[in-house]
């Protein structure tokens, strides 16, 4: 789901917990650009949320994030890391 125009630039964890229910999903992944990896390769921080709270990792969410990045940017050669707890 693309970010709506009124989405805050730094959503709170409470808002992130509400998103899965709002879109009718069991969980959601949030992708944030982060400092470039060694050699200047692009890097993204991933955080995964259910309505109960943050998950340490999520395979389906990681695949979804990569699909979205690839659809937007084309081939991806960079770094993904979890940014939560």
N, C-alpha and C. Protein backbone atom coordinates (compact mmCIF):
# COMPACT_ATOMS: atom_id res chain seq x y z
N UNK A 1 0.85 -1.17 0.00
CA UNK A 1 0.00 0.00 0.00
C UNK A 1 0.89 1.23 0.00
N UNK A 2 0.78 2.10 -0.98
CA UNK A 2 1.56 3.34 -0.98
C UNK A 2 1.18 4.22 0.20
N UNK A 3 2.10 5.05 0.61
CA UNK A 3 1.87 5.95 1.74
C UNK A 3 0.93 7.08 1.32
N UNK A 4 -0.16 7.32 2.08
CA UNK A 4 -1.05 8.44 1.76
C UNK A 4 -0.33 9.78 1.98
N UNK A 5 -0.77 10.80 1.29
CA UNK A 5 -0.14 12.13 1.36
C UNK A 5 -0.11 12.66 2.79
N UNK A 6 -1.10 12.34 3.61
CA UNK A 6 -1.16 12.87 4.98
C UNK A 6 -0.41 12.01 5.99
N UNK A 7 0.30 10.98 5.55
CA UNK A 7 1.06 10.11 6.45
C UNK A 7 2.19 10.89 7.09
N UNK A 8 2.38 10.77 8.41
CA UNK A 8 3.46 11.51 9.07
C UNK A 8 4.83 10.99 8.63
N UNK A 9 5.81 11.86 8.60
CA UNK A 9 7.15 11.45 8.17
C UNK A 9 7.79 10.46 9.15
N UNK A 10 7.41 10.53 10.42
CA UNK A 10 7.90 9.59 11.44
C UNK A 10 6.71 9.04 12.22
N UNK A 11 6.04 8.02 11.67
CA UNK A 11 4.86 7.49 12.37
C UNK A 11 5.24 6.86 13.71
N UNK A 12 4.37 7.01 14.66
CA UNK A 12 4.59 6.41 15.98
C UNK A 12 4.40 4.90 15.90
N UNK A 13 4.92 4.19 16.88
CA UNK A 13 4.72 2.75 16.92
C UNK A 13 3.24 2.42 17.08
N UNK A 14 2.48 3.25 17.79
CA UNK A 14 1.04 3.04 17.95
C UNK A 14 0.35 3.07 16.58
N UNK A 15 0.70 4.04 15.75
CA UNK A 15 0.12 4.11 14.41
C UNK A 15 0.54 2.89 13.58
N UNK A 16 1.78 2.49 13.69
CA UNK A 16 2.25 1.30 12.95
C UNK A 16 1.47 0.05 13.38
N UNK A 17 1.12 -0.06 14.66
CA UNK A 17 0.33 -1.20 15.14
C UNK A 17 -1.09 -1.16 14.60
N UNK A 18 -1.61 0.01 14.31
CA UNK A 18 -2.99 0.13 13.81
C UNK A 18 -3.10 -0.18 12.32
N UNK A 19 -2.02 -0.02 11.56
CA UNK A 19 -2.07 -0.18 10.11
C UNK A 19 -2.56 -1.56 9.66
N UNK A 20 -2.06 -2.67 10.20
CA UNK A 20 -2.56 -3.96 9.71
C UNK A 20 -4.09 -4.08 9.76
N UNK A 21 -4.70 -3.66 10.85
CA UNK A 21 -6.16 -3.70 10.95
C UNK A 21 -6.84 -2.78 9.97
N UNK A 22 -6.26 -1.62 9.74
CA UNK A 22 -6.85 -0.65 8.81
C UNK A 22 -6.87 -1.16 7.37
N UNK A 23 -5.87 -1.95 7.01
CA UNK A 23 -5.78 -2.44 5.63
C UNK A 23 -6.23 -3.89 5.49
N UNK A 24 -6.69 -4.49 6.61
CA UNK A 24 -7.19 -5.85 6.56
C UNK A 24 -6.10 -6.91 6.40
N UNK A 25 -4.96 -6.68 7.02
CA UNK A 25 -3.84 -7.62 6.94
C UNK A 25 -3.45 -8.07 8.35
N UNK A 26 -2.73 -9.18 8.41
CA UNK A 26 -2.27 -9.66 9.72
C UNK A 26 -1.05 -8.91 10.21
N UNK A 27 -0.28 -8.37 9.29
CA UNK A 27 0.93 -7.64 9.66
C UNK A 27 1.29 -6.64 8.55
N UNK A 28 2.20 -5.75 8.86
CA UNK A 28 2.64 -4.74 7.90
C UNK A 28 4.14 -4.53 8.04
N UNK A 29 4.78 -4.19 6.94
CA UNK A 29 6.21 -3.87 6.96
C UNK A 29 6.35 -2.38 6.64
N UNK A 30 7.26 -1.73 7.33
CA UNK A 30 7.55 -0.32 7.12
C UNK A 30 8.99 -0.22 6.65
N UNK A 31 9.19 0.41 5.51
CA UNK A 31 10.50 0.50 4.86
C UNK A 31 10.97 1.95 4.93
N UNK A 32 12.16 2.15 5.50
CA UNK A 32 12.72 3.49 5.63
C UNK A 32 14.13 3.49 5.06
N UNK A 33 14.44 4.44 4.15
CA UNK A 33 15.82 4.53 3.67
C UNK A 33 16.75 4.79 4.85
N UNK A 34 17.92 4.18 4.84
CA UNK A 34 18.90 4.42 5.89
C UNK A 34 20.24 4.77 5.26
N UNK A 35 21.24 4.99 6.09
CA UNK A 35 22.55 5.38 5.59
C UNK A 35 23.05 4.34 4.58
N UNK A 36 23.66 4.79 3.49
CA UNK A 36 24.15 3.86 2.47
C UNK A 36 25.13 2.84 3.06
N UNK A 37 25.08 1.65 2.50
CA UNK A 37 26.00 0.59 2.91
C UNK A 37 27.39 0.90 2.36
N UNK A 38 28.35 0.09 2.74
CA UNK A 38 29.71 0.26 2.24
C UNK A 38 29.72 0.35 0.72
N UNK A 39 30.49 1.25 0.18
CA UNK A 39 30.53 1.45 -1.26
C UNK A 39 29.38 2.26 -1.79
N UNK A 40 28.56 2.80 -0.91
CA UNK A 40 27.45 3.65 -1.35
C UNK A 40 26.21 2.90 -1.79
N UNK A 41 26.16 1.58 -1.59
CA UNK A 41 24.98 0.81 -1.98
C UNK A 41 23.78 1.26 -1.15
N UNK A 42 22.59 1.25 -1.74
CA UNK A 42 21.40 1.67 -0.99
C UNK A 42 21.12 0.74 0.19
N UNK A 43 20.55 1.30 1.24
CA UNK A 43 20.22 0.52 2.42
C UNK A 43 18.83 0.93 2.92
N UNK A 44 18.12 -0.03 3.46
CA UNK A 44 16.78 0.21 3.99
C UNK A 44 16.63 -0.46 5.34
N UNK A 45 15.95 0.22 6.24
CA UNK A 45 15.59 -0.34 7.53
C UNK A 45 14.17 -0.89 7.42
N UNK A 46 13.94 -2.10 7.89
CA UNK A 46 12.63 -2.72 7.86
C UNK A 46 12.13 -2.91 9.29
N UNK A 47 10.86 -2.56 9.50
CA UNK A 47 10.21 -2.83 10.79
C UNK A 47 8.89 -3.50 10.50
N UNK A 48 8.56 -4.51 11.29
CA UNK A 48 7.38 -5.34 11.06
C UNK A 48 6.44 -5.22 12.25
N UNK A 49 5.14 -4.99 11.96
CA UNK A 49 4.17 -4.80 13.03
C UNK A 49 2.91 -5.63 12.79
N UNK A 50 2.36 -6.15 13.89
CA UNK A 50 1.00 -6.68 13.93
C UNK A 50 0.21 -5.72 14.81
N UNK A 51 -1.07 -6.00 14.97
CA UNK A 51 -1.86 -5.14 15.87
C UNK A 51 -1.43 -5.30 17.32
N UNK A 52 -0.71 -6.37 17.62
CA UNK A 52 -0.23 -6.62 18.99
C UNK A 52 1.11 -5.94 19.29
N UNK A 53 1.89 -5.65 18.26
CA UNK A 53 3.18 -5.02 18.49
C UNK A 53 4.18 -5.33 17.39
N UNK A 54 5.44 -5.03 17.67
CA UNK A 54 6.50 -5.19 16.68
C UNK A 54 7.04 -6.62 16.69
N UNK A 55 7.34 -7.12 15.50
CA UNK A 55 7.96 -8.43 15.33
C UNK A 55 9.45 -8.23 15.09
N UNK A 56 10.30 -9.16 15.54
CA UNK A 56 11.74 -9.01 15.32
C UNK A 56 12.12 -9.24 13.85
N UNK A 57 11.33 -10.05 13.13
CA UNK A 57 11.61 -10.34 11.72
C UNK A 57 10.34 -10.91 11.10
N UNK A 58 10.29 -10.92 9.77
CA UNK A 58 9.11 -11.44 9.08
C UNK A 58 9.51 -11.76 7.63
N UNK A 59 9.51 -13.04 7.29
CA UNK A 59 9.90 -13.45 5.95
C UNK A 59 9.01 -12.89 4.86
N UNK A 60 7.68 -12.99 5.04
CA UNK A 60 6.77 -12.47 4.03
C UNK A 60 6.90 -10.95 3.89
N UNK A 61 7.07 -10.28 5.02
CA UNK A 61 7.24 -8.83 4.97
C UNK A 61 8.52 -8.42 4.26
N UNK A 62 9.59 -9.20 4.45
CA UNK A 62 10.85 -8.91 3.77
C UNK A 62 10.70 -9.07 2.26
N UNK A 63 10.03 -10.15 1.83
CA UNK A 63 9.80 -10.36 0.40
C UNK A 63 8.94 -9.24 -0.17
N UNK A 64 7.91 -8.84 0.57
CA UNK A 64 7.04 -7.75 0.11
C UNK A 64 7.83 -6.44 -0.02
N UNK A 65 8.70 -6.17 0.95
CA UNK A 65 9.52 -4.95 0.88
C UNK A 65 10.43 -4.98 -0.33
N UNK A 66 11.08 -6.12 -0.58
CA UNK A 66 11.95 -6.23 -1.76
C UNK A 66 11.17 -6.07 -3.05
N UNK A 67 9.96 -6.64 -3.12
CA UNK A 67 9.13 -6.49 -4.31
C UNK A 67 8.77 -5.03 -4.56
N UNK A 68 8.43 -4.32 -3.50
CA UNK A 68 8.08 -2.90 -3.63
C UNK A 68 9.28 -2.07 -4.07
N UNK A 69 10.44 -2.32 -3.46
CA UNK A 69 11.65 -1.58 -3.84
C UNK A 69 12.00 -1.87 -5.29
N UNK A 70 11.93 -3.14 -5.70
CA UNK A 70 12.25 -3.50 -7.08
C UNK A 70 11.26 -2.90 -8.07
N UNK A 71 9.98 -2.87 -7.72
CA UNK A 71 8.98 -2.27 -8.60
C UNK A 71 9.21 -0.78 -8.78
N UNK A 72 9.69 -0.15 -7.72
CA UNK A 72 9.93 1.30 -7.79
C UNK A 72 11.27 1.63 -8.42
N UNK A 73 12.33 0.89 -8.03
CA UNK A 73 13.70 1.27 -8.41
C UNK A 73 14.35 0.34 -9.43
N UNK A 74 13.75 -0.79 -9.73
CA UNK A 74 14.40 -1.77 -10.60
C UNK A 74 15.26 -2.70 -9.77
N UNK A 75 16.30 -3.20 -10.36
CA UNK A 75 17.17 -4.15 -9.66
C UNK A 75 17.70 -3.56 -8.35
N UNK A 76 17.72 -4.40 -7.30
CA UNK A 76 18.18 -3.93 -5.99
C UNK A 76 19.48 -4.63 -5.63
N UNK A 77 20.50 -3.86 -5.35
CA UNK A 77 21.77 -4.40 -4.88
C UNK A 77 22.19 -3.53 -3.70
N UNK A 78 21.72 -3.91 -2.52
CA UNK A 78 21.98 -3.09 -1.35
C UNK A 78 21.83 -3.89 -0.09
N UNK A 79 21.47 -3.22 0.99
CA UNK A 79 21.41 -3.81 2.31
C UNK A 79 20.03 -3.60 2.92
N UNK A 80 19.49 -4.66 3.51
CA UNK A 80 18.26 -4.57 4.31
C UNK A 80 18.63 -4.92 5.74
N UNK A 81 18.08 -4.19 6.69
CA UNK A 81 18.29 -4.57 8.08
C UNK A 81 17.04 -4.24 8.88
N UNK A 82 16.83 -5.00 9.95
CA UNK A 82 15.68 -4.72 10.80
C UNK A 82 16.08 -3.57 11.72
N UNK A 83 15.14 -2.69 11.93
CA UNK A 83 15.44 -1.47 12.67
C UNK A 83 14.71 -1.42 14.00
N UNK A 84 14.00 -2.48 14.34
CA UNK A 84 13.24 -2.46 15.58
C UNK A 84 14.04 -2.96 16.75
N UNK A 85 13.35 -3.65 17.60
CA UNK A 85 13.96 -4.15 18.83
C UNK A 85 14.75 -5.39 18.59
